[in-house]
Amino acid sequence: MARIFSGVKPTGHLTLGNYLGAVRRWVEVDQHRAEALFSVVDLHALTVEHDPARVRRLSRQAATLLLAAGLDPERCTLFAQSHVDEHARLSYVLECTATDGELRRMIQYKEKGARARAAGESVRLSLLTYPVLMAADILAYRTDEVPVGEDQTQHVELARDLAVRFNQRYGQTFTVPRATRPAVAARVMDLQDPMSKMGKSHESGAGIVYLLDEADVVRRKVMRAVTDSGREVSYDREGSPGVANLLDILAACSGGNPEELAGVYESYGSLKRDAAEAVVELLRPVRERHAELAADPGYVDEVLREGAARARAVARPVVDQAYRAIGLLEAVPAPEGVVG
């Protein structure tokens, strides 16, 4: 059975884009067809300025939402990244395998670094090295497949390069993973800026549908979505990105085809109304189940505790092997009965 690893970063509230682009596939497909590990990758949230209490709160919310969306702890492994030390252990070893040049070529580092400098903020070293930590997330489990969006494909390519380089230099240790992308709705765009991805941490939430938005809030955001200067409802990502985004969303929610749906509508208003209702109905059971789980935090804690134990059991032998391969002394346990 193939092994899958993917994760969500708790830097903001999970969105419709996260759900349609990744989480729904994890729930409906990946956890059933493979040995699947899903992580709230909280260490990655520390690469930028952050409020510690907010990171903890968003980490719990993300785990709860993943369960509410339908991840089944009996079928997959769900855990917090920081609860499994092997991620950090392996990250340093892979930093000793990566090069400064290949990390500075990472597109997200360039973009996020430029934004931080423009805002007068310092750029943390972890922003440069976090693709190596992401590689450690993947390689620690001898992952075969990594379901990611287009913006993360470059990081999976780095993980592949590091796995091949390490294996060639120090002996066969890691599986070389491959990125997989869902064919439909892999990239949901901002309702107010349809040329930009619907991200978790946009300054204004006007164009973002969050999974926990109330139904009336969802309707208002969709009805206020930017469309285009023309009147014809057509599926044209380049010429009419706003309308195309609404058609993509409606198609993803209803199981339709965006090009075929375009022929059904004669006005933007009717398209928006149907898209809004489709999103409301799609998210209703997720919100309801989230409320139930949020009222039982002990259950979520237990899922994360058991998930971390299972993840650790998989990752530790791999990371121990990597330590031996690269030349580190193996720790010798104290004789039985001796403390320290």
Protein backbone atom coordinates (compact mmCIF):
# COMPACT_ATOMS: atom_id res chain seq x y z
CA MET A 1 0.00 0.00 0.00
CA ALA A 2 1.28 3.45 -0.90
CA ARG A 3 2.06 5.89 1.91
CA ILE A 4 0.77 9.48 1.75
CA PHE A 5 1.79 12.50 3.82
CA SER A 6 0.28 15.97 3.75
CA GLY A 7 -0.41 18.75 6.19
CA VAL A 8 -2.01 22.09 6.96
CA LYS A 9 -0.22 25.09 8.43
CA PRO A 10 -2.01 26.86 11.31
CA THR A 11 -1.32 30.42 10.16
CA GLY A 12 -5.00 31.26 9.65
CA HIS A 13 -8.49 29.80 9.68
CA LEU A 14 -9.02 27.01 7.14
CA THR A 15 -10.84 28.11 4.02
CA LEU A 16 -13.07 26.80 1.26
CA GLY A 17 -9.92 26.70 -0.86
CA ASN A 18 -8.22 24.39 1.64
CA TYR A 19 -11.27 22.15 1.69
CA LEU A 20 -11.91 21.89 -2.05
CA GLY A 21 -8.24 21.87 -2.99
CA ALA A 22 -6.99 19.33 -0.47
CA VAL A 23 -9.02 18.25 2.56
CA ARG A 24 -11.99 16.79 0.69
CA ARG A 25 -9.67 14.60 -1.35
CA TRP A 26 -7.95 13.41 1.83
CA VAL A 27 -11.34 12.46 3.27
CA GLU A 28 -13.00 10.92 0.22
CA VAL A 29 -10.01 9.31 -1.50
CA ASP A 30 -6.61 9.30 0.16
CA GLN A 31 -7.42 7.88 3.59
CA HIS A 32 -9.19 4.94 1.92
CA ARG A 33 -6.62 4.01 -0.72
CA ALA A 34 -3.32 4.38 1.13
CA GLU A 35 -1.54 4.46 4.46
CA ALA A 36 -2.21 8.14 5.05
CA LEU A 37 -0.61 10.53 7.54
CA PHE A 38 -1.99 14.05 7.95
CA SER A 39 -0.36 16.64 10.16
CA VAL A 40 -1.03 20.07 11.55
CA VAL A 41 2.41 21.42 10.71
CA ASP A 42 2.67 23.91 13.55
CA LEU A 43 6.47 24.29 13.38
CA HIS A 44 6.03 25.90 9.98
CA ALA A 45 3.85 28.59 11.55
CA LEU A 46 6.89 29.92 13.42
CA THR A 47 8.70 31.13 10.29
CA VAL A 48 6.98 34.55 10.47
CA GLU A 49 5.89 36.95 13.19
CA HIS A 50 3.15 35.26 15.19
CA ASP A 51 1.18 35.28 18.40
CA PRO A 52 2.00 32.05 20.31
CA ALA A 53 -1.50 31.77 21.79
CA ARG A 54 -3.05 32.19 18.33
CA VAL A 55 -0.84 29.46 16.86
CA ARG A 56 -1.95 27.06 19.60
CA ARG A 57 -5.59 28.03 19.09
CA LEU A 58 -5.43 27.65 15.31
CA SER A 59 -3.57 24.34 15.61
CA ARG A 60 -6.37 22.87 17.71
CA GLN A 61 -9.00 24.35 15.42
CA ALA A 62 -7.30 22.88 12.34
CA ALA A 63 -7.14 19.40 13.90
CA THR A 64 -10.78 19.65 14.94
CA LEU A 65 -11.85 20.79 11.47
CA LEU A 66 -9.97 17.95 9.79
CA LEU A 67 -11.88 15.50 11.96
CA ALA A 68 -15.13 17.38 11.31
CA ALA A 69 -14.50 17.18 7.57
CA GLY A 70 -14.33 13.40 7.83
CA LEU A 71 -10.79 12.23 8.54
CA ASP A 72 -11.20 8.96 10.44
CA PRO A 73 -8.55 8.15 13.08
CA GLU A 74 -9.28 4.47 12.48
CA ARG A 75 -8.28 4.84 8.81
CA CYS A 76 -5.52 7.47 8.92
CA THR A 77 -3.02 9.06 11.27
CA LEU A 78 -3.68 12.64 12.38
CA PHE A 79 -1.13 14.41 14.56
CA ALA A 80 0.60 17.69 15.38
CA GLN A 81 4.03 18.03 13.79
CA SER A 82 5.66 19.38 16.97
CA HIS A 83 4.53 16.27 18.88
CA VAL A 84 6.90 14.09 16.83
CA ASP A 85 10.55 15.05 17.48
CA GLU A 86 11.77 13.21 14.41
CA HIS A 87 10.69 16.10 12.16
CA ALA A 88 13.14 18.49 13.81
CA ARG A 89 15.83 15.80 14.16
CA LEU A 90 15.77 14.98 10.47
CA SER A 91 15.50 18.60 9.38
CA TYR A 92 19.03 19.41 10.59
CA VAL A 93 20.51 16.37 8.84
CA LEU A 94 18.81 17.45 5.62
CA GLU A 95 20.09 21.01 6.08
CA CYS A 96 23.52 19.39 5.95
CA THR A 97 22.52 17.88 2.62
CA ALA A 98 20.85 20.93 1.03
CA THR A 99 22.68 23.94 -0.40
CA ASP A 100 22.24 27.64 0.22
CA GLY A 101 21.67 28.27 -3.48
CA GLU A 102 18.79 25.87 -3.94
CA LEU A 103 16.98 27.24 -0.88
CA ARG A 104 17.35 30.85 -2.00
CA ARG A 105 15.81 29.90 -5.35
CA MET A 106 12.57 28.85 -3.68
CA ILE A 107 9.77 31.05 -5.05
CA GLN A 108 7.89 31.30 -1.75
CA TYR A 109 11.04 32.44 0.07
CA LYS A 110 11.56 35.19 -2.49
CA GLU A 111 7.94 36.35 -2.34
CA LYS A 112 7.47 36.18 1.44
CA GLY A 113 10.91 37.63 2.10
CA ALA A 114 10.20 40.56 -0.22
CA ARG A 115 6.86 41.23 1.51
CA ALA A 116 8.51 41.17 4.95
CA ARG A 117 11.24 43.58 3.88
CA ALA A 118 8.69 45.91 2.28
CA ALA A 119 6.82 45.96 5.60
CA GLY A 120 10.02 46.82 7.45
CA GLU A 121 10.21 43.40 9.11
CA SER A 122 13.22 41.15 9.47
CA VAL A 123 13.28 37.87 7.56
CA ARG A 124 13.70 34.87 9.83
CA LEU A 125 16.27 32.25 8.92
CA SER A 126 13.54 29.62 9.31
CA LEU A 127 11.73 31.16 6.33
CA LEU A 128 14.74 30.23 4.21
CA THR A 129 15.14 26.75 5.66
CA TYR A 130 11.50 25.70 6.09
CA PRO A 131 11.45 23.82 2.75
CA VAL A 132 14.05 21.53 4.35
CA LEU A 133 11.76 20.98 7.32
CA MET A 134 8.99 20.21 4.83
CA ALA A 135 11.31 17.69 3.18
CA ALA A 136 11.90 16.14 6.61
CA ASP A 137 8.12 15.93 7.15
CA ILE A 138 7.88 13.90 3.97
CA LEU A 139 11.05 11.80 4.04
CA ALA A 140 10.76 10.75 7.69
CA TYR A 141 7.85 8.50 6.73
CA ARG A 142 9.29 7.10 3.49
CA THR A 143 6.35 8.78 1.79
CA ASP A 144 5.38 7.72 -1.71
CA GLU A 145 2.88 10.48 -2.54
CA VAL A 146 2.45 14.07 -1.37
CA PRO A 147 -0.90 15.65 -2.34
CA VAL A 148 -0.10 19.36 -2.73
CA GLY A 149 -1.26 22.45 -4.53
CA GLU A 150 0.66 23.93 -7.40
CA ASP A 151 2.41 26.45 -5.14
CA GLN A 152 4.03 23.66 -3.10
CA THR A 153 5.23 21.49 -5.98
CA GLN A 154 8.67 23.13 -5.93
CA HIS A 155 9.12 22.09 -2.31
CA VAL A 156 8.30 18.46 -3.08
CA GLU A 157 10.87 18.61 -5.88
CA LEU A 158 13.42 19.74 -3.28
CA ALA A 159 12.47 16.77 -1.08
CA ARG A 160 13.03 14.49 -4.07
CA ASP A 161 16.43 16.05 -4.77
CA LEU A 162 17.52 15.75 -1.15
CA ALA A 163 16.38 12.12 -0.95
CA VAL A 164 18.33 11.20 -4.10
CA ARG A 165 21.43 13.12 -2.97
CA PHE A 166 21.41 11.61 0.52
CA ASN A 167 20.88 8.09 -0.83
CA GLN A 168 23.76 8.48 -3.28
CA ARG A 169 26.18 9.89 -0.72
CA TYR A 170 25.35 7.88 2.38
CA GLY A 171 23.44 4.80 1.29
CA GLN A 172 19.84 3.95 0.51
CA THR A 173 17.74 5.53 3.27
CA PHE A 174 14.78 7.47 1.89
CA THR A 175 11.95 6.79 -0.52
CA VAL A 176 11.90 9.38 -3.33
CA PRO A 177 8.39 10.90 -3.12
CA ARG A 178 6.23 12.32 -5.88
CA ALA A 179 3.77 15.20 -5.81
CA THR A 180 0.15 14.51 -6.73
CA ARG A 181 -2.47 17.14 -7.51
CA PRO A 182 -6.25 16.76 -7.63
CA ALA A 183 -7.66 17.37 -11.10
CA VAL A 184 -10.63 19.54 -10.03
CA ALA A 185 -10.68 22.72 -7.93
CA ALA A 186 -7.05 22.39 -6.92
CA ARG A 187 -6.77 26.18 -6.82
CA VAL A 188 -9.75 28.19 -5.58
CA MET A 189 -9.23 31.91 -6.03
CA ASP A 190 -10.03 34.89 -3.80
CA LEU A 191 -13.57 36.15 -4.45
CA GLN A 192 -12.37 39.77 -4.42
CA ASP A 193 -9.13 39.14 -6.27
CA PRO A 194 -9.66 36.20 -8.63
CA MET A 195 -6.06 36.33 -9.80
CA SER A 196 -4.87 35.40 -6.29
CA LYS A 197 -5.26 32.14 -4.42
CA MET A 198 -7.84 32.02 -1.61
CA GLY A 199 -5.31 32.06 1.24
CA LYS A 200 -5.76 31.71 4.99
CA SER A 201 -3.95 34.88 6.02
CA HIS A 202 -5.04 37.60 3.59
CA GLU A 203 -5.31 40.96 5.36
CA SER A 204 -8.94 41.36 4.32
CA GLY A 205 -11.23 38.36 4.65
CA ALA A 206 -13.82 39.81 2.25
CA GLY A 207 -12.88 37.43 -0.56
CA ILE A 208 -12.25 34.38 1.60
CA VAL A 209 -14.85 31.84 2.66
CA TYR A 210 -13.75 30.27 5.94
CA LEU A 211 -15.01 26.82 6.87
CA LEU A 212 -16.54 28.20 10.05
CA ASP A 213 -18.27 31.18 8.44
CA GLU A 214 -21.99 31.34 9.24
CA ALA A 215 -24.33 30.68 6.29
CA ASP A 216 -25.33 34.34 5.95
CA VAL A 217 -21.68 35.39 5.89
CA VAL A 218 -20.95 32.86 3.13
CA ARG A 219 -23.88 34.13 1.08
CA ARG A 220 -22.80 37.75 1.49
CA LYS A 221 -19.21 37.06 0.43
CA VAL A 222 -20.21 35.05 -2.63
CA MET A 223 -22.86 37.55 -3.71
CA ARG A 224 -20.26 40.32 -3.49
CA ALA A 225 -17.69 38.36 -5.51
CA VAL A 226 -15.90 40.29 -8.23
CA THR A 227 -17.07 39.24 -11.67
CA ASP A 228 -16.13 40.93 -14.95
CA SER A 229 -17.05 43.88 -17.13
CA GLY A 230 -19.10 41.84 -19.61
CA ARG A 231 -22.48 40.22 -19.08
CA GLU A 232 -22.02 36.81 -20.67
CA VAL A 233 -21.48 33.87 -18.35
CA SER A 234 -18.58 32.00 -19.94
CA TYR A 235 -15.79 29.82 -18.59
CA ASP A 236 -12.65 31.78 -19.48
CA ARG A 237 -9.93 31.79 -16.84
CA GLU A 238 -7.90 34.45 -18.66
CA GLY A 239 -10.64 36.75 -19.92
CA SER A 240 -13.19 36.34 -17.12
CA PRO A 241 -11.33 35.09 -14.05
CA GLY A 242 -14.03 36.13 -11.57
CA VAL A 243 -16.80 34.26 -13.35
CA ALA A 244 -14.53 31.28 -13.98
CA ASN A 245 -13.75 31.12 -10.26
CA LEU A 246 -17.46 31.06 -9.37
CA LEU A 247 -18.06 28.32 -11.95
CA ASP A 248 -15.13 26.32 -10.56
CA ILE A 249 -16.51 26.62 -7.05
CA LEU A 250 -20.03 25.67 -8.09
CA ALA A 251 -18.73 22.72 -10.11
CA ALA A 252 -16.60 21.49 -7.21
CA CYS A 253 -19.51 21.74 -4.78
CA SER A 254 -22.08 20.13 -7.06
CA GLY A 255 -19.96 17.63 -8.98
CA GLY A 256 -20.62 19.41 -12.28
CA ASN A 257 -18.41 20.61 -15.11
CA PRO A 258 -17.62 24.37 -15.09
CA GLU A 259 -17.77 24.73 -18.86
CA GLU A 260 -21.13 22.99 -19.03
CA LEU A 261 -22.47 24.99 -16.09
CA ALA A 262 -21.59 28.23 -17.88
CA GLY A 263 -24.23 27.42 -20.49
CA VAL A 264 -26.93 27.14 -17.83
CA TYR A 265 -26.74 30.75 -16.62
CA GLU A 266 -27.83 33.94 -18.32
CA SER A 267 -26.79 36.30 -15.53
CA TYR A 268 -24.08 36.71 -12.94
CA GLY A 269 -26.69 37.10 -10.22
CA SER A 270 -28.23 33.67 -10.67
CA LEU A 271 -24.76 32.10 -10.86
CA LYS A 272 -23.77 33.79 -7.60
CA ARG A 273 -26.96 32.71 -5.83
CA ASP A 274 -26.52 29.08 -6.82
CA ALA A 275 -22.81 29.11 -5.97
CA ALA A 276 -23.56 30.63 -2.57
CA GLU A 277 -26.18 28.03 -1.70
CA ALA A 278 -23.94 25.20 -2.92
CA VAL A 279 -21.13 26.38 -0.64
CA VAL A 280 -23.49 26.80 2.33
CA GLU A 281 -24.79 23.25 1.95
CA LEU A 282 -21.32 21.82 1.42
CA LEU A 283 -19.99 23.38 4.62
CA ARG A 284 -23.07 22.90 6.81
CA PRO A 285 -22.20 19.36 8.06
CA VAL A 286 -18.56 20.37 8.63
CA ARG A 287 -19.61 23.31 10.82
CA GLU A 288 -22.11 21.20 12.74
CA ARG A 289 -19.62 18.40 13.39
CA HIS A 290 -16.95 20.94 14.38
CA ALA A 291 -19.29 22.33 17.05
CA GLU A 292 -19.78 18.81 18.46
CA LEU A 293 -16.04 18.09 18.54
CA ALA A 294 -15.14 21.48 19.98
CA ALA A 295 -17.40 20.65 22.92
CA ASP A 296 -15.33 17.52 23.58
CA PRO A 297 -11.67 18.66 23.57
CA GLY A 298 -10.58 15.50 25.35
CA TYR A 299 -11.47 13.45 22.27
CA VAL A 300 -9.36 15.67 20.00
CA ASP A 301 -6.45 15.46 22.46
CA GLU A 302 -6.67 11.67 22.44
CA VAL A 303 -6.73 11.53 18.63
CA LEU A 304 -3.62 13.72 18.45
CA ARG A 305 -1.85 11.74 21.18
CA GLU A 306 -2.50 8.39 19.50
CA GLY A 307 -1.69 9.84 16.09
CA ALA A 308 1.67 11.16 17.30
CA ALA A 309 2.52 7.75 18.79
CA ARG A 310 1.76 5.99 15.49
CA ALA A 311 3.67 8.61 13.48
CA ARG A 312 6.65 8.38 15.83
CA ALA A 313 6.77 4.60 15.46
CA VAL A 314 7.05 4.99 11.68
CA ALA A 315 9.49 7.92 11.62
CA ARG A 316 11.97 7.03 14.37
CA PRO A 317 13.58 4.01 12.66
CA VAL A 318 13.96 6.02 9.44
CA VAL A 319 15.56 8.99 11.18
CA ASP A 320 17.80 6.74 13.29
CA GLN A 321 18.99 5.11 10.08
CA ALA A 322 19.68 8.52 8.53
CA TYR A 323 21.72 9.51 11.59
CA ARG A 324 23.83 6.38 11.32
CA ALA A 325 24.24 6.76 7.57
CA ILE A 326 25.50 10.35 7.75
CA GLY A 327 28.09 9.44 10.40
CA LEU A 328 26.60 10.16 13.82
CA LEU A 329 27.36 7.93 16.78
CA GLU A 330 24.49 5.72 17.82
CA ALA A 331 23.26 6.50 21.34
CA VAL A 332 23.98 3.67 23.77
CA PRO A 333 21.21 3.15 26.35
CA ALA A 334 22.17 3.09 30.02
CA PRO A 335 22.51 -0.37 31.58
CA GLU A 336 19.33 -1.67 33.12
CA GLY A 337 18.77 -0.23 36.55
CA VAL A 338 21.08 2.76 35.96
CA VAL A 339 19.43 6.20 35.86
CA GLY A 340 20.85 9.00 33.65
